[in-house]
Amino acid sequence: MQKIIPIIHILSKLGVFFSVLLLAPTFVSYIFLDDAFDAFSHTALVTIVGSCITWLLTRRYQRELRVRDGFTLVFMLWLGFAVVAAMPIYLYFPQMSYIDAFFEAMSGLTTTGATVITSLDTLAPSINFWRHMLNWLGGMGIIVLAVAILPMLGVGGTQLFKAEIPGLDKDSKIAPRISQVAKKLWFTYAISTCVAFIALYWAGMSWFDALCHAMSTISLGGFSSHDDSIAYFNSQTIELIVIGITVFGAISFVTHMSAFSERSPARYWRDEESRILLAVLSISILVVSIYLWQQQYYPSFGESLRFTSFNYVSIGLSSGFANADYGQWPLITSLWMYFLANVLASSGSMGGGVKNARAIVLAKFSLREMLILLHPNAVRNVKVNGRTIPERTALTVMAFIFVYFMTVVLFTFVMMGTGLDFLSAFSATVACITNAGPGLGVVGPASNYAGLSDVQKWLCTIVMLLGRLEIFTVLILFSPPYWKK
C-alpha cells in the first residue's frame, strides 16, 4: 500500500486538472442550452471535491516518481480518467448502462473511435463535443499533457514520459527538459488542430462540425458527429482535407517538429518511416482502386480511387472514418486495410498498432539473419534512419511484436467463445488493438458496437487500453517481479 499511496496523491492532482477540463463541455452545454448541463457540472463538482480531499489526505506521501511508479501511474491515469469521462455520458442517457458509457469514454481516450451510440445527428451538442474532446486529449496522450504540468505540481515526469511515448529511442531528448518536450509537442498539436479546423470550415462544415472533426481527425480518433461519418457531407473537398490531416497525424510529431525547425519538407523524405508509410499506402490505394474498378464495384476509376483512398488512409492509419461501406468490398481488400493498420503508422504519432519503426527493424533483422545463414562470417549492422540498431533493441522489438500478435489471437478466440463469429471477433480485436475503430461483420462501418454483449464490450475496452498503452505497460503490472522490492 505504501507503494500506491504516492501515486494516488499524484492522481488526485491530475484529477483536479481533469475536473477543470470538464468545464469546456459544460460551457458548450450552456451555449447550446441542451439538457446535458447538469451531467457535466455534477461530474466536475464531484471530481474536484473528491480529488481535493484525496490530495489533502495523501500529501505527506508525495515523492519523486521511480521507474515502476511511471508504469503504475500511466495505467491508473488512463483507467481513472475513463471512469470519470464516462460519468457525463452515463448521466445523460437514462437507459444507458455504465459499461456502454465506459466503452464510449475509453474508445474516445484511446482514439479508437468505436461507438455504441446511435442517432449522433440529434445528440446533445455538448455530449458530441465531449466525445471529440476525449479523442483530442487522447491523441497526443493525456500522459504527455500531464508531463507538461507535473513540474508545476512538484512532480518530475521523465518516467511517465518514457512509459507513454512509443518508439525505439525513448531516452533521446529533443529539448533539455522533458517538460519542454511535452510543451513543444502540445504546441505543435494545438496549431495543427487550428489549421485543420480552418480548413474544414472553409470546405463547408459548420463551425461546430469543423471543430469536432478537427479534434478527431488530427488525433486519428475517428469519432464523428453524424451517424454516416464523413459520408454525411458527401464532399470530395472535405474528404481530401481529412486525408491530408490523417496522413499528417500518422507521421511522427518529432519529425514534424524537426521539419518545422529546419523549415524544409525534405526532413520527411529523409525519415525512413515517412517514406515507407507514403510508399506502401500509395501503392496499396492504386492497386485496390484498379481491382475494385475492374470488379465493377464502382463505375469509373475516379470513383473507385475516391472511396479507396479515403478508407485506406482512414483505416490503414488507424483513424476510423468511413465514406463507404467497405464491408461490402472483397474480403481481401478489407483485410489488407486492417493489416496496414497494424504496421503503418509512425512511432511517436497518433496511430496505433505495432508502429512502422518496429516493422522496419523486424524486417531488416530478418533479412540480416538470412544473409548470415548464407554467409556465416558476414558482419552487417542494421540501420534505421542512418542509426545502428543495437541487438538489445531488436530483441525488444521482436518480443513486443510476438506478444502483440499473440494478444490478437488470444482475444479473437475469447471473443469467439462469447458467441461472436470469426470475422467479427477478429476484426473487432484488430480494430480495437490498433485503435482503428470500425471492424467488419456485426461491427462494420454500416453499424457499430452497440449490438455486442456486455462481456464482449468489456473485452473490447481491455484490448483498446492494451493497444493504446502498447501492451507491456499494462502486462508488466501483473508480473511478480514488478511488485518485489
Protein backbone atom coordinates (compact mmCIF):
# COMPACT_ATOMS: atom_id res chain seq x y z
CA MET A 1 0.00 0.00 0.00
CA GLN A 2 2.93 2.30 0.71
CA LYS A 3 3.88 1.98 -2.99
CA ILE A 4 0.43 3.01 -4.24
CA ILE A 5 -0.36 5.99 -1.97
CA PRO A 6 2.23 8.37 -3.57
CA ILE A 7 0.77 7.50 -6.98
CA ILE A 8 -2.76 8.13 -5.70
CA HIS A 9 -1.52 11.52 -4.48
CA ILE A 10 -0.34 12.41 -7.98
CA LEU A 11 -3.61 11.11 -9.45
CA SER A 12 -5.53 13.42 -7.12
CA LYS A 13 -3.63 16.41 -8.51
CA LEU A 14 -4.33 15.33 -12.07
CA GLY A 15 -7.97 14.71 -11.08
CA VAL A 16 -8.27 18.40 -10.20
CA PHE A 17 -6.89 19.26 -13.63
CA PHE A 18 -9.29 16.85 -15.34
CA SER A 19 -12.24 18.39 -13.49
CA VAL A 20 -11.21 21.75 -14.96
CA LEU A 21 -11.28 20.19 -18.44
CA LEU A 22 -14.90 19.20 -17.77
CA LEU A 23 -15.78 22.89 -17.72
CA ALA A 24 -15.31 23.03 -21.52
CA PRO A 25 -18.28 20.75 -22.39
CA THR A 26 -20.22 22.37 -19.52
CA PHE A 27 -19.74 25.73 -21.25
CA VAL A 28 -20.77 24.24 -24.61
CA SER A 29 -23.93 22.88 -22.96
CA TYR A 30 -24.66 26.36 -21.58
CA ILE A 31 -24.21 27.98 -25.02
CA PHE A 32 -26.47 25.48 -26.81
CA LEU A 33 -28.94 25.27 -23.91
CA ASP A 34 -29.01 21.47 -24.21
CA ASP A 35 -30.03 19.17 -21.38
CA ALA A 36 -26.56 17.83 -20.51
CA PHE A 37 -25.53 20.79 -18.31
CA ASP A 38 -26.27 19.01 -15.04
CA ALA A 39 -24.45 15.85 -16.14
CA PHE A 40 -21.22 17.77 -16.77
CA SER A 41 -21.44 20.22 -13.88
CA HIS A 42 -22.23 17.49 -11.34
CA THR A 43 -19.39 15.29 -12.62
CA ALA A 44 -16.95 18.23 -12.48
CA LEU A 45 -18.05 19.12 -8.94
CA VAL A 46 -17.78 15.58 -7.59
CA THR A 47 -14.41 15.09 -9.30
CA ILE A 48 -12.83 18.26 -7.97
CA VAL A 49 -14.14 17.70 -4.43
CA GLY A 50 -13.04 14.07 -4.39
CA SER A 51 -9.64 14.94 -5.87
CA CYS A 52 -9.03 17.76 -3.37
CA ILE A 53 -9.92 15.56 -0.40
CA THR A 54 -7.63 12.79 -1.67
CA TRP A 55 -4.89 15.37 -2.29
CA LEU A 56 -5.06 16.57 1.31
CA LEU A 57 -5.18 13.06 2.78
CA THR A 58 -2.15 11.85 0.82
CA ARG A 59 0.02 14.97 0.60
CA ARG A 60 2.56 13.74 3.16
CA TYR A 61 3.35 10.80 0.85
CA GLN A 62 4.50 12.99 -2.05
CA ARG A 63 7.84 11.95 -3.56
CA GLU A 64 9.66 11.78 -6.88
CA LEU A 65 8.49 9.16 -9.35
CA ARG A 66 10.51 5.98 -9.75
CA VAL A 67 10.56 3.86 -12.91
CA ARG A 68 7.97 1.36 -11.65
CA ASP A 69 5.77 4.24 -10.49
CA GLY A 70 5.59 5.52 -14.05
CA PHE A 71 4.03 2.30 -15.32
CA THR A 72 1.51 2.17 -12.48
CA LEU A 73 0.58 5.83 -12.89
CA VAL A 74 0.12 5.52 -16.67
CA PHE A 75 -2.27 2.61 -16.23
CA MET A 76 -4.20 4.12 -13.33
CA LEU A 77 -4.40 7.52 -15.03
CA TRP A 78 -5.93 6.16 -18.24
CA LEU A 79 -8.30 3.93 -16.29
CA GLY A 80 -9.27 6.66 -13.82
CA PHE A 81 -9.83 9.30 -16.49
CA ALA A 82 -12.01 6.88 -18.45
CA VAL A 83 -14.10 6.20 -15.33
CA VAL A 84 -14.67 9.94 -14.81
CA ALA A 85 -15.11 10.71 -18.52
CA ALA A 86 -17.87 8.10 -18.71
CA MET A 87 -19.98 9.72 -16.00
CA PRO A 88 -21.49 12.62 -18.04
CA ILE A 89 -22.42 10.16 -20.80
CA TYR A 90 -23.93 7.75 -18.27
CA LEU A 91 -25.91 10.52 -16.53
CA TYR A 92 -27.15 11.99 -19.80
CA PHE A 93 -28.60 8.74 -21.20
CA PRO A 94 -31.20 7.40 -18.71
CA GLN A 95 -31.32 3.97 -20.35
CA MET A 96 -27.58 3.54 -20.90
CA SER A 97 -25.65 1.02 -18.82
CA TYR A 98 -22.35 2.12 -17.29
CA ILE A 99 -20.42 -0.37 -19.41
CA ASP A 100 -21.72 1.38 -22.54
CA ALA A 101 -20.70 4.77 -21.15
CA PHE A 102 -17.30 3.43 -20.10
CA PHE A 103 -16.83 1.81 -23.52
CA GLU A 104 -17.55 5.15 -25.21
CA ALA A 105 -15.18 7.05 -22.90
CA MET A 106 -12.36 4.52 -23.26
CA SER A 107 -12.86 4.49 -27.02
CA GLY A 108 -12.54 8.26 -27.04
CA LEU A 109 -9.47 8.49 -24.83
CA THR A 110 -7.65 5.70 -26.67
CA THR A 111 -8.61 7.32 -30.02
CA THR A 112 -10.26 4.10 -31.12
CA GLY A 113 -13.42 5.74 -32.43
CA ALA A 114 -15.65 2.71 -31.86
CA THR A 115 -19.06 3.80 -30.62
CA VAL A 116 -22.18 2.32 -29.04
CA ILE A 117 -24.25 5.49 -29.51
CA THR A 118 -26.78 5.81 -32.32
CA SER A 119 -28.60 8.94 -33.56
CA LEU A 120 -25.45 11.04 -33.33
CA ASP A 121 -27.07 13.68 -35.55
CA THR A 122 -29.59 14.54 -32.81
CA LEU A 123 -27.23 14.09 -29.86
CA ALA A 124 -26.81 16.99 -27.44
CA PRO A 125 -24.00 19.20 -28.82
CA SER A 126 -22.10 19.15 -25.52
CA ILE A 127 -22.06 15.33 -25.46
CA ASN A 128 -20.82 15.25 -29.04
CA PHE A 129 -18.21 17.88 -28.18
CA TRP A 130 -17.07 15.83 -25.16
CA ARG A 131 -16.63 12.69 -27.27
CA HIS A 132 -14.44 14.57 -29.72
CA MET A 133 -12.55 16.34 -26.97
CA LEU A 134 -11.70 12.93 -25.48
CA ASN A 135 -10.33 11.95 -28.89
CA TRP A 136 -8.23 15.09 -28.96
CA LEU A 137 -6.86 14.65 -25.44
CA GLY A 138 -6.05 11.00 -26.06
CA GLY A 139 -4.42 11.71 -29.40
CA MET A 140 -1.20 13.18 -28.17
CA GLY A 141 -1.72 11.42 -24.89
CA ILE A 142 -3.06 12.69 -21.62
CA ILE A 143 0.22 11.45 -20.23
CA VAL A 144 2.25 13.95 -22.24
CA LEU A 145 -0.10 16.71 -21.13
CA ALA A 146 0.43 15.54 -17.57
CA VAL A 147 4.20 15.67 -18.08
CA ALA A 148 3.86 19.31 -19.12
CA ILE A 149 2.09 20.24 -15.89
CA LEU A 150 3.72 17.80 -13.44
CA PRO A 151 6.68 20.12 -12.75
CA MET A 152 4.23 22.81 -11.68
CA LEU A 153 2.70 20.28 -9.29
CA GLY A 154 6.07 19.41 -7.81
CA VAL A 155 6.43 16.04 -9.54
CA GLY A 156 9.03 15.10 -12.16
CA GLY A 157 7.76 13.49 -15.34
CA THR A 158 10.61 11.67 -17.07
CA GLN A 159 9.49 8.18 -16.02
CA LEU A 160 5.92 8.97 -17.01
CA PHE A 161 7.04 10.19 -20.42
CA LYS A 162 9.07 7.01 -21.03
CA ALA A 163 6.13 4.80 -20.12
CA GLU A 164 3.77 6.50 -22.54
CA ILE A 165 5.66 7.64 -25.65
CA PRO A 166 6.02 4.84 -28.24
CA GLY A 167 9.14 4.42 -30.30
CA LEU A 168 12.62 2.98 -30.35
CA ASP A 169 14.59 5.78 -28.75
CA LYS A 170 12.77 6.95 -25.64
CA ASP A 171 15.89 8.31 -24.00
CA SER A 172 16.71 10.82 -26.73
CA LYS A 173 15.84 14.37 -25.80
CA ILE A 174 14.60 16.92 -28.30
CA ALA A 175 14.66 19.57 -25.59
CA PRO A 176 16.83 19.98 -22.46
CA ARG A 177 13.97 19.09 -20.11
CA ILE A 178 11.20 16.55 -20.58
CA SER A 179 8.51 19.12 -19.73
CA GLN A 180 9.77 21.27 -22.60
CA VAL A 181 9.40 18.29 -24.93
CA ALA A 182 5.79 17.82 -23.88
CA LYS A 183 5.02 21.51 -24.24
CA LYS A 184 6.53 21.65 -27.72
CA LEU A 185 4.59 18.55 -28.77
CA TRP A 186 1.33 20.02 -27.50
CA PHE A 187 2.02 23.39 -29.10
CA THR A 188 2.57 21.68 -32.47
CA TYR A 189 -0.55 19.58 -31.88
CA ALA A 190 -2.69 22.61 -30.99
CA ILE A 191 -1.53 24.63 -34.00
CA SER A 192 -2.21 21.66 -36.29
CA THR A 193 -5.71 21.34 -34.85
CA CYS A 194 -6.42 25.02 -35.53
CA VAL A 195 -5.26 24.65 -39.14
CA ALA A 196 -7.49 21.56 -39.52
CA PHE A 197 -10.46 23.47 -38.09
CA ILE A 198 -10.00 26.38 -40.51
CA ALA A 199 -9.61 24.03 -43.50
CA LEU A 200 -12.74 22.01 -42.67
CA TYR A 201 -14.79 25.13 -42.01
CA TRP A 202 -13.63 26.60 -45.31
CA ALA A 203 -14.61 23.33 -47.07
CA GLY A 204 -18.24 23.70 -45.98
CA MET A 205 -18.64 22.23 -42.50
CA SER A 206 -20.48 24.22 -39.83
CA TRP A 207 -18.18 25.71 -37.21
CA PHE A 208 -19.29 23.07 -34.69
CA ASP A 209 -18.77 20.13 -37.08
CA ALA A 210 -15.43 21.61 -38.16
CA LEU A 211 -14.27 21.89 -34.55
CA CYS A 212 -15.36 18.37 -33.64
CA HIS A 213 -13.88 16.76 -36.75
CA ALA A 214 -10.65 18.76 -36.47
CA MET A 215 -10.13 17.28 -32.99
CA SER A 216 -10.99 13.73 -34.01
CA THR A 217 -9.09 13.85 -37.32
CA ILE A 218 -5.74 15.20 -36.11
CA SER A 219 -5.85 12.72 -33.24
CA LEU A 220 -6.74 9.83 -35.58
CA GLY A 221 -9.71 9.32 -33.27
CA GLY A 222 -12.44 8.68 -35.81
CA PHE A 223 -15.42 9.98 -33.82
CA SER A 224 -17.98 11.87 -35.90
CA SER A 225 -20.99 14.00 -35.02
CA HIS A 226 -23.04 12.15 -37.65
CA ASP A 227 -24.11 8.51 -37.96
CA ASP A 228 -22.92 8.43 -41.58
CA SER A 229 -19.47 9.70 -40.57
CA ILE A 230 -17.74 11.68 -43.34
CA ALA A 231 -20.17 10.26 -45.91
CA TYR A 232 -22.78 12.62 -44.38
CA PHE A 233 -21.11 15.60 -46.06
CA ASN A 234 -20.72 13.95 -49.50
CA SER A 235 -17.90 16.35 -50.31
CA GLN A 236 -14.71 15.38 -52.09
CA THR A 237 -13.06 18.56 -50.82
CA ILE A 238 -13.76 17.61 -47.20
CA GLU A 239 -12.55 14.07 -47.87
CA LEU A 240 -9.28 15.33 -49.35
CA ILE A 241 -8.71 17.60 -46.35
CA VAL A 242 -9.42 14.73 -43.95
CA ILE A 243 -6.97 12.54 -45.90
CA GLY A 244 -4.27 15.20 -45.60
CA ILE A 245 -4.84 15.72 -41.87
CA THR A 246 -4.89 11.97 -41.24
CA VAL A 247 -1.57 11.42 -43.01
CA PHE A 248 -0.14 14.34 -41.03
CA GLY A 249 -1.33 12.79 -37.77
CA ALA A 250 0.14 9.38 -38.66
CA ILE A 251 3.66 10.79 -39.13
CA SER A 252 5.81 11.21 -36.03
CA PHE A 253 5.31 14.60 -34.40
CA VAL A 254 9.02 14.65 -33.65
CA THR A 255 9.55 14.58 -37.42
CA HIS A 256 7.03 17.40 -37.82
CA MET A 257 8.86 19.47 -35.22
CA SER A 258 12.18 18.84 -36.94
CA ALA A 259 10.72 19.79 -40.33
CA PHE A 260 9.24 22.99 -38.90
CA SER A 261 12.53 23.80 -37.18
CA GLU A 262 14.52 23.24 -40.39
CA ARG A 263 11.78 24.95 -42.45
CA SER A 264 12.21 22.21 -45.04
CA PRO A 265 9.86 19.42 -46.18
CA ALA A 266 12.96 17.42 -47.12
CA ARG A 267 13.03 16.25 -43.49
CA TYR A 268 10.04 14.00 -44.24
CA TRP A 269 11.85 12.36 -47.15
CA ARG A 270 14.91 11.71 -45.01
CA ASP A 271 12.76 9.94 -42.43
CA GLU A 272 12.58 6.25 -43.30
CA GLU A 273 9.23 5.72 -41.57
CA SER A 274 7.58 8.55 -43.52
CA ARG A 275 8.93 7.29 -46.84
CA ILE A 276 7.72 3.75 -46.27
CA LEU A 277 4.35 4.92 -44.96
CA LEU A 278 3.66 7.04 -48.04
CA ALA A 279 5.01 4.45 -50.48
CA VAL A 280 3.11 1.45 -49.10
CA LEU A 281 -0.09 3.45 -48.70
CA SER A 282 0.10 4.89 -52.24
CA ILE A 283 0.80 1.53 -53.86
CA SER A 284 -2.00 -0.16 -51.88
CA ILE A 285 -4.50 2.53 -52.88
CA LEU A 286 -3.56 2.33 -56.56
CA VAL A 287 -3.73 -1.47 -56.75
CA VAL A 288 -7.01 -1.78 -54.84
CA SER A 289 -8.60 1.08 -56.79
CA ILE A 290 -7.84 -0.68 -60.06
CA TYR A 291 -9.06 -4.00 -58.64
CA LEU A 292 -12.40 -2.62 -57.39
CA TRP A 293 -12.93 -0.82 -60.69
CA GLN A 294 -12.17 -3.93 -62.72
CA GLN A 295 -14.51 -5.98 -60.48
CA GLN A 296 -17.20 -3.37 -61.24
CA TYR A 297 -17.72 -2.27 -57.64
CA TYR A 298 -17.53 1.28 -58.99
CA PRO A 299 -18.50 2.50 -62.47
CA SER A 300 -15.33 4.56 -63.02
CA PHE A 301 -11.72 4.51 -61.91
CA GLY A 302 -12.09 8.01 -60.47
CA GLU A 303 -14.92 6.95 -58.18
CA SER A 304 -13.05 3.81 -57.16
CA LEU A 305 -9.96 5.89 -56.39
CA ARG A 306 -12.01 8.32 -54.29
CA PHE A 307 -13.51 5.72 -51.96
CA THR A 308 -10.44 3.51 -51.83
CA SER A 309 -8.16 6.43 -51.00
CA PHE A 310 -10.30 7.73 -48.18
CA ASN A 311 -10.96 4.43 -46.47
CA TYR A 312 -7.45 3.07 -46.90
CA VAL A 313 -5.96 6.23 -45.40
CA SER A 314 -8.52 6.24 -42.59
CA ILE A 315 -8.38 2.57 -41.59
CA GLY A 316 -4.81 1.90 -42.69
CA LEU A 317 -3.59 4.73 -40.45
CA SER A 318 -5.94 3.69 -37.62
CA SER A 319 -8.22 6.71 -37.74
CA GLY A 320 -11.66 5.19 -38.26
CA PHE A 321 -13.71 7.47 -40.50
CA ALA A 322 -15.61 6.00 -43.43
CA ASN A 323 -17.29 7.34 -46.56
CA ALA A 324 -18.40 3.93 -47.90
CA ASP A 325 -19.38 0.52 -46.57
CA TYR A 326 -16.10 -1.26 -47.26
CA GLY A 327 -17.58 -4.32 -45.59
CA GLN A 328 -19.21 -4.97 -48.98
CA TRP A 329 -15.84 -5.00 -50.75
CA PRO A 330 -13.99 -8.27 -51.46
CA LEU A 331 -12.66 -9.59 -48.15
CA ILE A 332 -9.03 -9.45 -49.29
CA THR A 333 -9.22 -5.68 -49.83
CA SER A 334 -10.79 -5.06 -46.41
CA LEU A 335 -8.37 -7.33 -44.56
CA TRP A 336 -5.39 -5.63 -46.21
CA MET A 337 -6.58 -2.32 -44.71
CA TYR A 338 -6.51 -3.83 -41.23
CA PHE A 339 -3.09 -5.32 -41.85
CA LEU A 340 -1.83 -1.83 -42.69
CA ALA A 341 -3.45 -0.52 -39.50
CA ASN A 342 -1.15 -2.86 -37.57
CA VAL A 343 2.13 -1.73 -39.10
CA LEU A 344 1.85 1.56 -40.99
CA ALA A 345 1.55 4.46 -38.50
CA SER A 346 4.84 6.02 -37.41
CA SER A 347 6.17 5.77 -33.89
CA GLY A 348 5.57 8.99 -31.99
CA SER A 349 2.39 9.64 -33.98
CA MET A 350 -1.28 9.40 -33.07
CA GLY A 351 -1.58 6.00 -34.73
CA GLY A 352 -1.82 2.60 -33.12
CA GLY A 353 -0.58 -0.88 -33.90
CA VAL A 354 2.97 -2.23 -33.93
CA LYS A 355 4.24 1.02 -35.46
CA ASN A 356 6.25 1.39 -38.64
CA ALA A 357 9.63 1.62 -36.93
CA ARG A 358 9.25 -1.77 -35.26
CA ALA A 359 8.11 -3.35 -38.51
CA ILE A 360 11.17 -1.89 -40.27
CA VAL A 361 13.52 -3.21 -37.58
CA LEU A 362 11.95 -6.67 -37.68
CA ALA A 363 12.15 -6.80 -41.49
CA LYS A 364 15.78 -5.67 -41.60
CA PHE A 365 16.92 -8.06 -38.89
CA SER A 366 15.09 -10.90 -40.65
CA LEU A 367 16.93 -10.10 -43.88
CA ARG A 368 20.21 -9.93 -41.98
CA GLU A 369 19.62 -13.37 -40.46
CA MET A 370 19.00 -14.82 -43.91
CA LEU A 371 22.26 -13.26 -45.11
CA ILE A 372 24.14 -14.76 -42.16
CA LEU A 373 22.71 -18.18 -42.96
CA LEU A 374 24.28 -17.87 -46.41
CA HIS A 375 27.49 -16.21 -45.18
CA PRO A 376 28.13 -17.19 -41.54
CA ASN A 377 31.17 -14.91 -41.23
CA ALA A 378 29.44 -11.82 -42.59
CA VAL A 379 29.21 -8.76 -40.35
CA ARG A 380 26.33 -6.45 -41.09
CA ASN A 381 24.81 -3.77 -38.91
CA VAL A 382 21.14 -2.91 -39.16
CA LYS A 383 20.43 0.80 -39.51
CA VAL A 384 17.23 2.84 -39.39
CA ASN A 385 17.48 6.48 -40.43
CA GLY A 386 21.26 6.08 -40.50
CA ARG A 387 21.48 4.93 -36.88
CA THR A 388 22.69 1.47 -35.93
CA ILE A 389 20.07 -0.54 -34.06
CA PRO A 390 21.54 -2.43 -31.06
CA GLU A 391 20.86 -6.14 -30.72
CA ARG A 392 19.06 -5.48 -27.44
CA THR A 393 16.61 -3.15 -29.20
CA ALA A 394 15.96 -5.78 -31.86
CA LEU A 395 15.16 -8.38 -29.19
CA THR A 396 12.77 -5.95 -27.52
CA VAL A 397 11.05 -5.28 -30.84
CA MET A 398 10.69 -8.99 -31.58
CA ALA A 399 9.32 -9.67 -28.11
CA PHE A 400 6.80 -6.86 -28.46
CA ILE A 401 5.59 -7.99 -31.88
CA PHE A 402 5.25 -11.58 -30.64
CA VAL A 403 3.20 -10.51 -27.60
CA TYR A 404 1.17 -8.10 -29.75
CA PHE A 405 0.02 -10.71 -32.27
CA MET A 406 -0.48 -13.37 -29.61
CA THR A 407 -2.78 -10.88 -27.88
CA VAL A 408 -4.75 -10.58 -31.11
CA VAL A 409 -5.00 -14.36 -31.38
CA LEU A 410 -5.99 -14.81 -27.73
CA PHE A 411 -8.72 -12.18 -27.71
CA THR A 412 -10.06 -13.35 -31.07
CA PHE A 413 -10.60 -16.82 -29.59
CA VAL A 414 -12.09 -15.39 -26.40
CA MET A 415 -14.47 -13.20 -28.40
CA MET A 416 -15.49 -16.23 -30.46
CA GLY A 417 -16.05 -18.11 -27.21
CA THR A 418 -18.63 -15.49 -26.25
CA GLY A 419 -20.64 -16.28 -29.38
CA LEU A 420 -19.23 -13.85 -31.96
CA ASP A 421 -18.48 -15.12 -35.47
CA PHE A 422 -14.83 -15.31 -36.55
CA LEU A 423 -14.78 -12.31 -38.89
CA SER A 424 -16.47 -10.03 -36.38
CA ALA A 425 -14.33 -11.31 -33.49
CA PHE A 426 -11.06 -10.99 -35.41
CA SER A 427 -11.78 -7.60 -36.94
CA ALA A 428 -13.11 -6.18 -33.64
CA THR A 429 -9.93 -7.30 -31.88
CA VAL A 430 -7.68 -5.85 -34.57
CA ALA A 431 -9.72 -2.65 -34.80
CA CYS A 432 -9.52 -2.15 -31.02
CA ILE A 433 -5.84 -3.01 -30.53
CA THR A 434 -4.84 -0.76 -33.44
CA ASN A 435 -7.34 1.88 -32.24
CA ALA A 436 -8.83 1.93 -35.75
CA GLY A 437 -12.48 1.76 -34.60
CA PRO A 438 -14.88 0.09 -37.04
CA GLY A 439 -14.36 -3.57 -37.88
CA LEU A 440 -16.11 -5.98 -40.20
CA GLY A 441 -19.20 -8.14 -39.80
CA VAL A 442 -21.51 -7.03 -36.99
CA VAL A 443 -19.09 -4.22 -36.04
CA GLY A 444 -18.62 -2.97 -39.60
CA PRO A 445 -18.82 0.63 -40.85
CA ALA A 446 -22.56 0.30 -41.53
CA SER A 447 -23.23 -0.48 -37.86
CA ASN A 448 -21.43 -0.03 -34.52
CA TYR A 449 -20.55 -1.87 -31.31
CA ALA A 450 -23.96 -1.42 -29.66
CA GLY A 451 -25.02 -4.94 -30.63
CA LEU A 452 -22.25 -6.62 -28.66
CA SER A 453 -22.95 -8.20 -25.28
CA ASP A 454 -21.62 -6.62 -22.08
CA VAL A 455 -18.86 -9.24 -21.86
CA GLN A 456 -17.78 -8.52 -25.44
CA LYS A 457 -17.75 -4.77 -24.74
CA TRP A 458 -15.57 -5.27 -21.66
CA LEU A 459 -13.18 -7.38 -23.72
CA CYS A 460 -13.01 -4.65 -26.37
CA THR A 461 -12.23 -1.96 -23.78
CA ILE A 462 -9.39 -4.10 -22.42
CA VAL A 463 -7.98 -4.50 -25.93
CA MET A 464 -8.30 -0.76 -26.56
CA LEU A 465 -6.28 0.02 -23.44
CA LEU A 466 -3.68 -2.65 -24.25
CA GLY A 467 -3.27 -1.22 -27.74
CA ARG A 468 -3.03 2.40 -26.61
CA LEU A 469 -0.51 1.69 -23.84
CA GLU A 470 1.42 -0.76 -26.05
CA ILE A 471 0.71 -3.92 -24.03
CA PHE A 472 3.91 -4.12 -21.97
CA THR A 473 2.96 -1.06 -19.92
CA VAL A 474 -0.11 -2.97 -18.75
CA LEU A 475 1.23 -6.53 -18.62
CA ILE A 476 4.24 -5.57 -16.53
CA LEU A 477 1.87 -4.64 -13.69
CA PHE A 478 0.79 -8.27 -13.45
CA SER A 479 4.30 -9.74 -13.27
CA PRO A 480 5.50 -10.86 -9.79
CA PRO A 481 8.95 -9.16 -10.12
CA TYR A 482 7.25 -5.79 -10.55
CA TRP A 483 5.89 -5.87 -7.01
CA LYS A 484 9.08 -7.06 -5.36
CA LYS A 485 11.34 -4.54 -3.63
